[in-house]
């Protein structure tokens, strides 16, 4: 990502797009107090600089059918660089794992998994263990209800003007 100085309008554009990715460009321009052309130019600059990496829709998984969402903490057997690389390559190929973060503290990774049911989740975890990806142990946390899933407050992250 390029180092680009962001002003309050850039932050406002990022904040609005993070909440409403399908907002009309004219509405976005009005919300950030710009005319459409300069707003569009700023959006393109933010994309080119790597601040905006994509646009996607939030899907109501419950509306699609039964599913289970699980957060999993993972500890690896070895802490050599090649062990982390092997685990990360393995996880990257598994569609059920929708998010995976290397974390500090007592565990090495936090994974987010979405499957149709607990049995399918367990089959996936058994496959991960059998894959020789180097998992020593894991702990599963089944989501019982979503409470909050907002995008980050952009102004707090960048110390917005």
N, C-alpha and C. Protein backbone atom coordinates (compact mmCIF):
# COMPACT_ATOMS: atom_id res chain seq x y z
N UNK A 1 0.85 -1.17 0.00
CA UNK A 1 0.00 0.00 0.00
C UNK A 1 0.89 1.23 0.00
N UNK A 2 0.56 2.16 -0.86
CA UNK A 2 1.30 3.41 -0.93
C UNK A 2 0.97 4.28 0.28
N UNK A 3 1.94 5.09 0.68
CA UNK A 3 1.70 6.01 1.78
C UNK A 3 1.05 7.26 1.20
N UNK A 4 -0.23 7.40 1.44
CA UNK A 4 -0.99 8.54 0.94
C UNK A 4 -1.55 9.29 2.12
N UNK A 5 -1.39 10.57 2.12
CA UNK A 5 -1.95 11.39 3.20
C UNK A 5 -3.46 11.45 3.01
N UNK A 6 -4.19 11.08 4.05
CA UNK A 6 -5.64 11.09 3.99
C UNK A 6 -6.16 12.29 4.75
N UNK A 7 -7.15 12.96 4.15
CA UNK A 7 -7.80 14.06 4.87
C UNK A 7 -9.17 13.58 5.34
N UNK A 8 -9.92 14.49 5.95
CA UNK A 8 -11.21 14.10 6.54
C UNK A 8 -12.20 13.61 5.48
N UNK A 9 -12.11 14.10 4.26
CA UNK A 9 -13.03 13.62 3.22
C UNK A 9 -12.66 12.21 2.77
N UNK A 10 -11.37 11.92 2.68
CA UNK A 10 -10.94 10.56 2.35
C UNK A 10 -11.44 9.57 3.41
N UNK A 11 -11.28 9.95 4.66
CA UNK A 11 -11.75 9.10 5.77
C UNK A 11 -13.26 8.92 5.67
N UNK A 12 -13.98 9.98 5.37
CA UNK A 12 -15.45 9.90 5.24
C UNK A 12 -15.83 8.97 4.09
N UNK A 13 -15.11 9.04 2.98
CA UNK A 13 -15.38 8.15 1.85
C UNK A 13 -15.16 6.71 2.28
N UNK A 14 -14.03 6.43 2.91
CA UNK A 14 -13.74 5.06 3.35
C UNK A 14 -14.77 4.56 4.36
N UNK A 15 -15.14 5.41 5.29
CA UNK A 15 -16.13 5.01 6.31
C UNK A 15 -17.47 4.70 5.67
N UNK A 16 -17.91 5.54 4.75
CA UNK A 16 -19.21 5.33 4.10
C UNK A 16 -19.18 4.06 3.25
N UNK A 17 -18.12 3.87 2.46
CA UNK A 17 -18.03 2.68 1.62
C UNK A 17 -17.91 1.40 2.44
N UNK A 18 -17.29 1.46 3.61
CA UNK A 18 -17.17 0.26 4.43
C UNK A 18 -18.52 -0.18 4.98
N UNK A 19 -19.44 0.78 5.13
CA UNK A 19 -20.79 0.46 5.62
C UNK A 19 -21.76 0.21 4.48
N UNK A 20 -21.57 0.93 3.37
CA UNK A 20 -22.53 0.89 2.26
C UNK A 20 -21.79 0.82 0.93
N UNK A 21 -21.26 -0.34 0.61
CA UNK A 21 -20.46 -0.50 -0.59
C UNK A 21 -21.19 -0.24 -1.89
N UNK A 22 -22.52 -0.35 -1.88
CA UNK A 22 -23.29 -0.15 -3.11
C UNK A 22 -23.91 1.25 -3.21
N UNK A 23 -23.47 2.15 -2.39
CA UNK A 23 -24.02 3.50 -2.41
C UNK A 23 -23.77 4.13 -3.78
N UNK A 24 -24.74 4.85 -4.29
CA UNK A 24 -24.57 5.55 -5.57
C UNK A 24 -23.49 6.61 -5.41
N UNK A 25 -22.71 6.79 -6.46
CA UNK A 25 -21.61 7.74 -6.40
C UNK A 25 -22.09 9.15 -6.11
N UNK A 26 -23.25 9.52 -6.62
CA UNK A 26 -23.77 10.87 -6.35
C UNK A 26 -24.18 11.01 -4.89
N UNK A 27 -24.74 9.95 -4.31
CA UNK A 27 -25.10 9.98 -2.89
C UNK A 27 -23.85 10.02 -2.02
N UNK A 28 -22.84 9.25 -2.39
CA UNK A 28 -21.57 9.28 -1.66
C UNK A 28 -20.98 10.68 -1.69
N UNK A 29 -20.97 11.29 -2.86
CA UNK A 29 -20.44 12.65 -3.00
C UNK A 29 -21.18 13.63 -2.11
N UNK A 30 -22.52 13.51 -2.07
CA UNK A 30 -23.32 14.41 -1.23
C UNK A 30 -22.99 14.19 0.25
N UNK A 31 -22.82 12.95 0.66
CA UNK A 31 -22.55 12.66 2.07
C UNK A 31 -21.21 13.19 2.55
N UNK A 32 -20.23 13.23 1.64
CA UNK A 32 -18.91 13.70 2.04
C UNK A 32 -18.67 15.15 1.60
N UNK A 33 -19.75 15.79 1.13
CA UNK A 33 -19.71 17.21 0.78
C UNK A 33 -18.72 17.52 -0.34
N UNK A 34 -18.84 16.72 -1.41
CA UNK A 34 -18.04 16.93 -2.62
C UNK A 34 -18.94 16.82 -3.83
N UNK A 35 -18.53 17.38 -4.94
CA UNK A 35 -19.25 17.14 -6.18
C UNK A 35 -18.84 15.76 -6.69
N UNK A 36 -19.66 15.15 -7.56
CA UNK A 36 -19.41 13.76 -7.97
C UNK A 36 -18.04 13.51 -8.60
N UNK A 37 -17.56 14.37 -9.48
CA UNK A 37 -16.28 14.11 -10.16
C UNK A 37 -15.10 14.08 -9.18
N UNK A 38 -14.93 15.08 -8.31
CA UNK A 38 -13.83 14.99 -7.35
C UNK A 38 -13.97 13.79 -6.40
N UNK A 39 -15.19 13.44 -6.04
CA UNK A 39 -15.42 12.28 -5.18
C UNK A 39 -14.96 11.00 -5.90
N UNK A 40 -15.35 10.87 -7.16
CA UNK A 40 -14.96 9.71 -7.96
C UNK A 40 -13.44 9.63 -8.08
N UNK A 41 -12.79 10.77 -8.31
CA UNK A 41 -11.34 10.81 -8.42
C UNK A 41 -10.67 10.37 -7.12
N UNK A 42 -11.23 10.80 -6.00
CA UNK A 42 -10.69 10.38 -4.69
C UNK A 42 -10.86 8.87 -4.50
N UNK A 43 -12.04 8.36 -4.87
CA UNK A 43 -12.27 6.91 -4.76
C UNK A 43 -11.24 6.14 -5.56
N UNK A 44 -10.99 6.57 -6.79
CA UNK A 44 -10.02 5.90 -7.65
C UNK A 44 -8.62 5.98 -7.05
N UNK A 45 -8.28 7.14 -6.47
CA UNK A 45 -6.97 7.31 -5.83
C UNK A 45 -6.84 6.37 -4.63
N UNK A 46 -7.91 6.26 -3.84
CA UNK A 46 -7.90 5.37 -2.67
C UNK A 46 -7.79 3.91 -3.09
N UNK A 47 -8.43 3.54 -4.20
CA UNK A 47 -8.31 2.18 -4.72
C UNK A 47 -6.88 1.92 -5.18
N UNK A 48 -6.34 2.86 -5.96
CA UNK A 48 -4.98 2.70 -6.49
C UNK A 48 -3.95 2.62 -5.37
N UNK A 49 -4.15 3.38 -4.30
CA UNK A 49 -3.22 3.38 -3.17
C UNK A 49 -3.37 2.14 -2.30
N UNK A 50 -4.40 1.32 -2.54
CA UNK A 50 -4.57 0.09 -1.79
C UNK A 50 -5.43 0.20 -0.54
N UNK A 51 -6.04 1.37 -0.31
CA UNK A 51 -6.92 1.51 0.85
C UNK A 51 -8.24 0.77 0.63
N UNK A 52 -8.71 0.74 -0.59
CA UNK A 52 -9.93 0.00 -0.95
C UNK A 52 -9.47 -1.21 -1.74
N UNK A 53 -9.70 -2.40 -1.18
CA UNK A 53 -9.22 -3.62 -1.83
C UNK A 53 -10.32 -4.41 -2.51
N UNK A 54 -11.57 -4.00 -2.34
CA UNK A 54 -12.67 -4.70 -2.99
C UNK A 54 -14.01 -4.27 -2.44
N UNK A 55 -15.05 -4.75 -3.08
CA UNK A 55 -16.42 -4.46 -2.67
C UNK A 55 -17.15 -5.79 -2.61
N UNK A 56 -17.96 -5.97 -1.57
CA UNK A 56 -18.70 -7.22 -1.47
C UNK A 56 -20.01 -7.01 -0.73
N UNK A 57 -20.90 -7.97 -0.90
CA UNK A 57 -22.20 -7.90 -0.24
C UNK A 57 -22.16 -8.70 1.05
N UNK A 58 -22.92 -8.26 2.05
CA UNK A 58 -23.11 -9.05 3.26
C UNK A 58 -24.30 -9.96 3.02
N UNK A 59 -24.11 -11.23 3.22
CA UNK A 59 -25.15 -12.23 2.95
C UNK A 59 -25.73 -12.72 4.27
N UNK A 60 -27.05 -12.79 4.34
CA UNK A 60 -27.73 -13.35 5.51
C UNK A 60 -27.70 -14.87 5.39
N UNK A 61 -26.74 -15.50 6.04
CA UNK A 61 -26.58 -16.94 5.93
C UNK A 61 -27.80 -17.71 6.41
N UNK A 62 -28.48 -17.20 7.43
CA UNK A 62 -29.67 -17.87 7.95
C UNK A 62 -30.76 -17.94 6.88
N UNK A 63 -30.83 -16.93 6.02
CA UNK A 63 -31.83 -16.93 4.96
C UNK A 63 -31.53 -18.00 3.92
N UNK A 64 -30.27 -18.39 3.80
CA UNK A 64 -29.89 -19.42 2.83
C UNK A 64 -30.16 -20.83 3.34
N UNK A 65 -30.19 -20.98 4.65
CA UNK A 65 -30.44 -22.31 5.21
C UNK A 65 -29.63 -22.53 6.48
N UNK A 66 -29.73 -23.75 6.98
CA UNK A 66 -29.04 -24.09 8.22
C UNK A 66 -27.53 -23.99 8.04
N UNK A 67 -26.88 -23.49 9.05
CA UNK A 67 -25.42 -23.39 9.04
C UNK A 67 -24.93 -23.25 10.48
N UNK A 68 -23.66 -23.46 10.65
CA UNK A 68 -23.03 -23.23 11.94
C UNK A 68 -21.77 -22.41 11.67
N UNK A 69 -21.56 -21.42 12.52
CA UNK A 69 -20.35 -20.61 12.45
C UNK A 69 -19.52 -20.92 13.69
N UNK A 70 -18.23 -21.18 13.49
CA UNK A 70 -17.36 -21.59 14.58
C UNK A 70 -16.07 -20.77 14.52
N UNK A 71 -15.64 -20.28 15.67
CA UNK A 71 -14.32 -19.69 15.78
C UNK A 71 -13.42 -20.75 16.41
N UNK A 72 -12.22 -20.88 15.89
CA UNK A 72 -11.31 -21.93 16.33
C UNK A 72 -9.95 -21.31 16.62
N UNK A 73 -9.43 -21.55 17.82
CA UNK A 73 -8.06 -21.17 18.12
C UNK A 73 -7.18 -22.38 17.83
N UNK A 74 -6.03 -22.13 17.24
CA UNK A 74 -5.15 -23.21 16.81
C UNK A 74 -3.74 -22.97 17.35
N UNK A 75 -3.16 -24.03 17.86
CA UNK A 75 -1.75 -24.01 18.27
C UNK A 75 -1.01 -25.00 17.39
N UNK A 76 0.10 -24.59 16.82
CA UNK A 76 0.89 -25.47 15.96
C UNK A 76 1.90 -26.28 16.78
N UNK A 77 2.31 -27.42 16.23
CA UNK A 77 3.30 -28.27 16.89
C UNK A 77 4.67 -27.61 16.90
N UNK A 78 5.00 -26.93 15.81
CA UNK A 78 6.32 -26.33 15.66
C UNK A 78 6.16 -24.85 15.33
N UNK A 79 7.12 -24.07 15.76
CA UNK A 79 7.07 -22.63 15.48
C UNK A 79 8.18 -22.21 14.53
N UNK A 80 8.53 -23.09 13.63
CA UNK A 80 9.48 -22.76 12.57
C UNK A 80 8.72 -22.07 11.44
N UNK A 81 9.42 -21.25 10.69
CA UNK A 81 8.78 -20.50 9.60
C UNK A 81 8.08 -21.43 8.61
N UNK A 82 8.71 -22.55 8.29
CA UNK A 82 8.10 -23.46 7.31
C UNK A 82 6.82 -24.10 7.86
N UNK A 83 6.71 -24.24 9.18
CA UNK A 83 5.49 -24.78 9.78
C UNK A 83 4.33 -23.80 9.61
N UNK A 84 4.60 -22.52 9.83
CA UNK A 84 3.56 -21.50 9.63
C UNK A 84 3.15 -21.45 8.17
N UNK A 85 4.13 -21.51 7.28
CA UNK A 85 3.83 -21.45 5.84
C UNK A 85 2.99 -22.64 5.40
N UNK A 86 3.33 -23.84 5.87
CA UNK A 86 2.56 -25.04 5.53
C UNK A 86 1.12 -24.92 6.02
N UNK A 87 0.95 -24.50 7.27
CA UNK A 87 -0.40 -24.34 7.81
C UNK A 87 -1.18 -23.33 6.99
N UNK A 88 -0.59 -22.19 6.70
CA UNK A 88 -1.29 -21.13 5.96
C UNK A 88 -1.65 -21.57 4.54
N UNK A 89 -0.78 -22.31 3.89
CA UNK A 89 -1.11 -22.83 2.54
C UNK A 89 -2.26 -23.82 2.62
N UNK A 90 -2.27 -24.67 3.64
CA UNK A 90 -3.33 -25.65 3.80
C UNK A 90 -4.67 -24.97 4.04
N UNK A 91 -4.68 -24.00 4.95
CA UNK A 91 -5.92 -23.27 5.28
C UNK A 91 -6.44 -22.49 4.07
N UNK A 92 -5.55 -21.93 3.28
CA UNK A 92 -5.96 -21.14 2.11
C UNK A 92 -6.77 -21.97 1.11
N UNK A 93 -6.56 -23.28 1.11
CA UNK A 93 -7.28 -24.16 0.17
C UNK A 93 -8.62 -24.66 0.71
N UNK A 94 -8.95 -24.33 1.94
CA UNK A 94 -10.16 -24.87 2.57
C UNK A 94 -11.28 -23.83 2.55
N UNK A 95 -12.29 -24.07 1.71
CA UNK A 95 -13.37 -23.10 1.53
C UNK A 95 -14.20 -22.87 2.78
N UNK A 96 -14.30 -23.85 3.66
CA UNK A 96 -15.10 -23.68 4.88
C UNK A 96 -14.47 -22.67 5.83
N UNK A 97 -13.17 -22.47 5.72
CA UNK A 97 -12.48 -21.50 6.57
C UNK A 97 -12.60 -20.15 5.88
N UNK A 98 -13.43 -19.29 6.46
CA UNK A 98 -13.74 -18.00 5.82
C UNK A 98 -12.85 -16.88 6.32
N UNK A 99 -12.12 -17.12 7.37
CA UNK A 99 -11.17 -16.13 7.88
C UNK A 99 -10.13 -16.84 8.71
N UNK A 100 -8.90 -16.36 8.65
CA UNK A 100 -7.84 -16.93 9.46
C UNK A 100 -6.83 -15.84 9.74
N UNK A 101 -6.50 -15.67 11.01
CA UNK A 101 -5.59 -14.62 11.42
C UNK A 101 -4.48 -15.21 12.29
N UNK A 102 -3.24 -14.84 12.02
CA UNK A 102 -2.14 -15.16 12.93
C UNK A 102 -2.28 -14.22 14.11
N UNK A 103 -2.18 -14.75 15.32
CA UNK A 103 -2.40 -13.93 16.51
C UNK A 103 -1.26 -14.12 17.51
N UNK A 104 -1.09 -13.14 18.37
CA UNK A 104 -0.12 -13.24 19.45
C UNK A 104 -0.82 -13.76 20.70
N UNK A 105 -0.05 -14.21 21.64
CA UNK A 105 -0.64 -14.73 22.87
C UNK A 105 -0.46 -16.22 22.95
N UNK A 106 -1.42 -16.90 23.54
CA UNK A 106 -1.31 -18.33 23.79
C UNK A 106 -1.54 -19.22 22.58
N UNK A 107 -2.12 -18.70 21.53
CA UNK A 107 -2.42 -19.50 20.34
C UNK A 107 -1.72 -18.89 19.15
N UNK A 108 -1.63 -19.65 18.09
CA UNK A 108 -0.96 -19.17 16.88
C UNK A 108 -1.93 -18.56 15.88
N UNK A 109 -3.14 -19.11 15.79
CA UNK A 109 -4.12 -18.65 14.79
C UNK A 109 -5.52 -18.62 15.38
N UNK A 110 -6.32 -17.75 14.81
CA UNK A 110 -7.75 -17.73 15.05
C UNK A 110 -8.41 -17.92 13.70
N UNK A 111 -9.27 -18.94 13.59
CA UNK A 111 -9.96 -19.22 12.33
C UNK A 111 -11.45 -19.00 12.50
N UNK A 112 -12.08 -18.57 11.44
CA UNK A 112 -13.54 -18.47 11.36
C UNK A 112 -13.99 -19.51 10.34
N UNK A 113 -14.92 -20.37 10.75
CA UNK A 113 -15.37 -21.48 9.91
C UNK A 113 -16.88 -21.41 9.77
N UNK A 114 -17.39 -21.61 8.56
CA UNK A 114 -18.83 -21.70 8.33
C UNK A 114 -19.09 -23.00 7.58
N UNK A 115 -19.92 -23.87 8.20
CA UNK A 115 -20.33 -25.13 7.57
C UNK A 115 -21.82 -25.33 7.79
N UNK A 116 -22.34 -26.41 7.23
CA UNK A 116 -23.78 -26.66 7.33
C UNK A 116 -24.20 -27.13 8.72
N UNK A 117 -23.32 -27.84 9.42
CA UNK A 117 -23.67 -28.34 10.75
C UNK A 117 -22.40 -28.70 11.52
N UNK A 118 -22.56 -29.08 12.78
CA UNK A 118 -21.41 -29.40 13.63
C UNK A 118 -20.67 -30.64 13.11
N UNK A 119 -21.39 -31.62 12.61
CA UNK A 119 -20.74 -32.83 12.10
C UNK A 119 -19.84 -32.49 10.91
N UNK A 120 -20.30 -31.63 10.04
CA UNK A 120 -19.49 -31.21 8.89
C UNK A 120 -18.27 -30.41 9.35
N UNK A 121 -18.47 -29.58 10.36
CA UNK A 121 -17.33 -28.85 10.94
C UNK A 121 -16.30 -29.84 11.46
N UNK A 122 -16.75 -30.85 12.20
CA UNK A 122 -15.81 -31.82 12.78
C UNK A 122 -15.09 -32.60 11.70
N UNK A 123 -15.78 -32.95 10.61
CA UNK A 123 -15.13 -33.64 9.49
C UNK A 123 -14.03 -32.75 8.90
N UNK A 124 -14.31 -31.46 8.78
CA UNK A 124 -13.31 -30.53 8.25
C UNK A 124 -12.10 -30.47 9.17
N UNK A 125 -12.34 -30.39 10.49
CA UNK A 125 -11.24 -30.33 11.44
C UNK A 125 -10.45 -31.64 11.44
N UNK A 126 -11.13 -32.77 11.33
CA UNK A 126 -10.43 -34.06 11.25
C UNK A 126 -9.53 -34.08 10.01
N UNK A 127 -10.04 -33.56 8.90
CA UNK A 127 -9.24 -33.48 7.68
C UNK A 127 -8.04 -32.57 7.85
N UNK A 128 -8.22 -31.47 8.56
CA UNK A 128 -7.10 -30.55 8.81
C UNK A 128 -6.04 -31.25 9.66
N UNK A 129 -6.47 -31.99 10.68
CA UNK A 129 -5.53 -32.71 11.53
C UNK A 129 -4.78 -33.80 10.74
N UNK A 130 -5.48 -34.48 9.86
CA UNK A 130 -4.87 -35.55 9.06
C UNK A 130 -3.99 -35.02 7.94
N UNK A 131 -4.13 -33.74 7.61
CA UNK A 131 -3.40 -33.16 6.47
C UNK A 131 -1.92 -32.92 6.75
N UNK A 132 -1.51 -33.15 7.95
CA UNK A 132 -0.13 -32.89 8.37
C UNK A 132 0.21 -31.39 8.29
N UNK A 133 -0.79 -30.55 8.55
CA UNK A 133 -0.58 -29.11 8.55
C UNK A 133 0.09 -28.63 9.83
N UNK A 134 0.33 -29.55 10.77
CA UNK A 134 1.09 -29.21 11.97
C UNK A 134 0.27 -28.71 13.14
N UNK A 135 -1.02 -29.04 13.19
CA UNK A 135 -1.86 -28.59 14.30
C UNK A 135 -1.58 -29.46 15.53
N UNK A 136 -1.19 -28.81 16.63
CA UNK A 136 -0.97 -29.53 17.90
C UNK A 136 -2.31 -29.70 18.61
N UNK A 137 -3.03 -28.58 18.75
CA UNK A 137 -4.35 -28.64 19.39
C UNK A 137 -5.19 -27.47 18.91
N UNK A 138 -6.48 -27.63 19.10
CA UNK A 138 -7.40 -26.55 18.73
C UNK A 138 -8.56 -26.53 19.71
N UNK A 139 -9.18 -25.37 19.82
CA UNK A 139 -10.37 -25.20 20.65
C UNK A 139 -11.44 -24.54 19.79
N UNK A 140 -12.65 -25.06 19.87
CA UNK A 140 -13.76 -24.59 19.04
C UNK A 140 -14.75 -23.79 19.87
N UNK A 141 -15.26 -22.73 19.28
CA UNK A 141 -16.25 -21.87 19.92
C UNK A 141 -17.40 -21.66 18.94
N UNK A 142 -18.52 -22.32 19.20
CA UNK A 142 -19.68 -22.24 18.31
C UNK A 142 -20.41 -20.92 18.56
N UNK A 143 -20.71 -20.22 17.49
CA UNK A 143 -21.46 -18.96 17.60
C UNK A 143 -22.92 -19.30 17.85
N UNK A 144 -23.48 -18.79 18.94
CA UNK A 144 -24.89 -19.05 19.25
C UNK A 144 -25.79 -17.94 18.73
N UNK A 145 -25.25 -16.72 18.63
CA UNK A 145 -26.00 -15.64 17.98
C UNK A 145 -25.03 -14.50 17.68
N UNK A 146 -25.22 -13.87 16.55
CA UNK A 146 -24.38 -12.70 16.24
C UNK A 146 -24.82 -11.53 17.11
N UNK A 147 -23.86 -10.79 17.61
CA UNK A 147 -24.16 -9.64 18.45
C UNK A 147 -23.76 -8.34 17.75
N UNK A 148 -22.59 -8.33 17.15
CA UNK A 148 -22.13 -7.13 16.46
C UNK A 148 -21.10 -7.53 15.41
N UNK A 149 -21.20 -6.95 14.24
CA UNK A 149 -20.25 -7.21 13.16
C UNK A 149 -20.16 -5.97 12.29
N UNK A 150 -19.66 -4.89 12.85
CA UNK A 150 -19.54 -3.63 12.13
C UNK A 150 -18.15 -3.47 11.54
N UNK A 151 -18.04 -2.69 10.47
CA UNK A 151 -16.70 -2.36 9.98
C UNK A 151 -16.01 -1.45 11.00
N UNK A 152 -14.68 -1.39 10.97
CA UNK A 152 -13.96 -0.54 11.91
C UNK A 152 -14.32 0.94 11.74
N UNK A 153 -14.25 1.69 12.81
CA UNK A 153 -14.48 3.14 12.76
C UNK A 153 -13.21 3.77 12.19
N UNK A 154 -13.28 4.19 10.92
CA UNK A 154 -12.10 4.69 10.20
C UNK A 154 -11.42 5.86 10.93
N UNK A 155 -12.20 6.75 11.45
CA UNK A 155 -11.62 7.92 12.11
C UNK A 155 -10.79 7.55 13.33
N UNK A 156 -11.16 6.48 14.00
CA UNK A 156 -10.39 6.04 15.17
C UNK A 156 -9.08 5.38 14.77
N UNK A 157 -9.06 4.76 13.59
CA UNK A 157 -7.86 4.06 13.16
C UNK A 157 -6.77 5.01 12.66
N UNK A 158 -7.18 6.07 12.02
CA UNK A 158 -6.20 6.97 11.40
C UNK A 158 -6.04 8.30 12.14
N UNK A 159 -6.75 8.47 13.24
CA UNK A 159 -6.67 9.77 13.91
C UNK A 159 -7.16 10.86 12.99
N UNK A 160 -8.33 10.65 12.42
CA UNK A 160 -8.86 11.55 11.39
C UNK A 160 -8.86 13.00 11.85
N UNK A 161 -8.61 13.89 10.91
CA UNK A 161 -8.62 15.31 11.25
C UNK A 161 -9.99 15.80 11.64
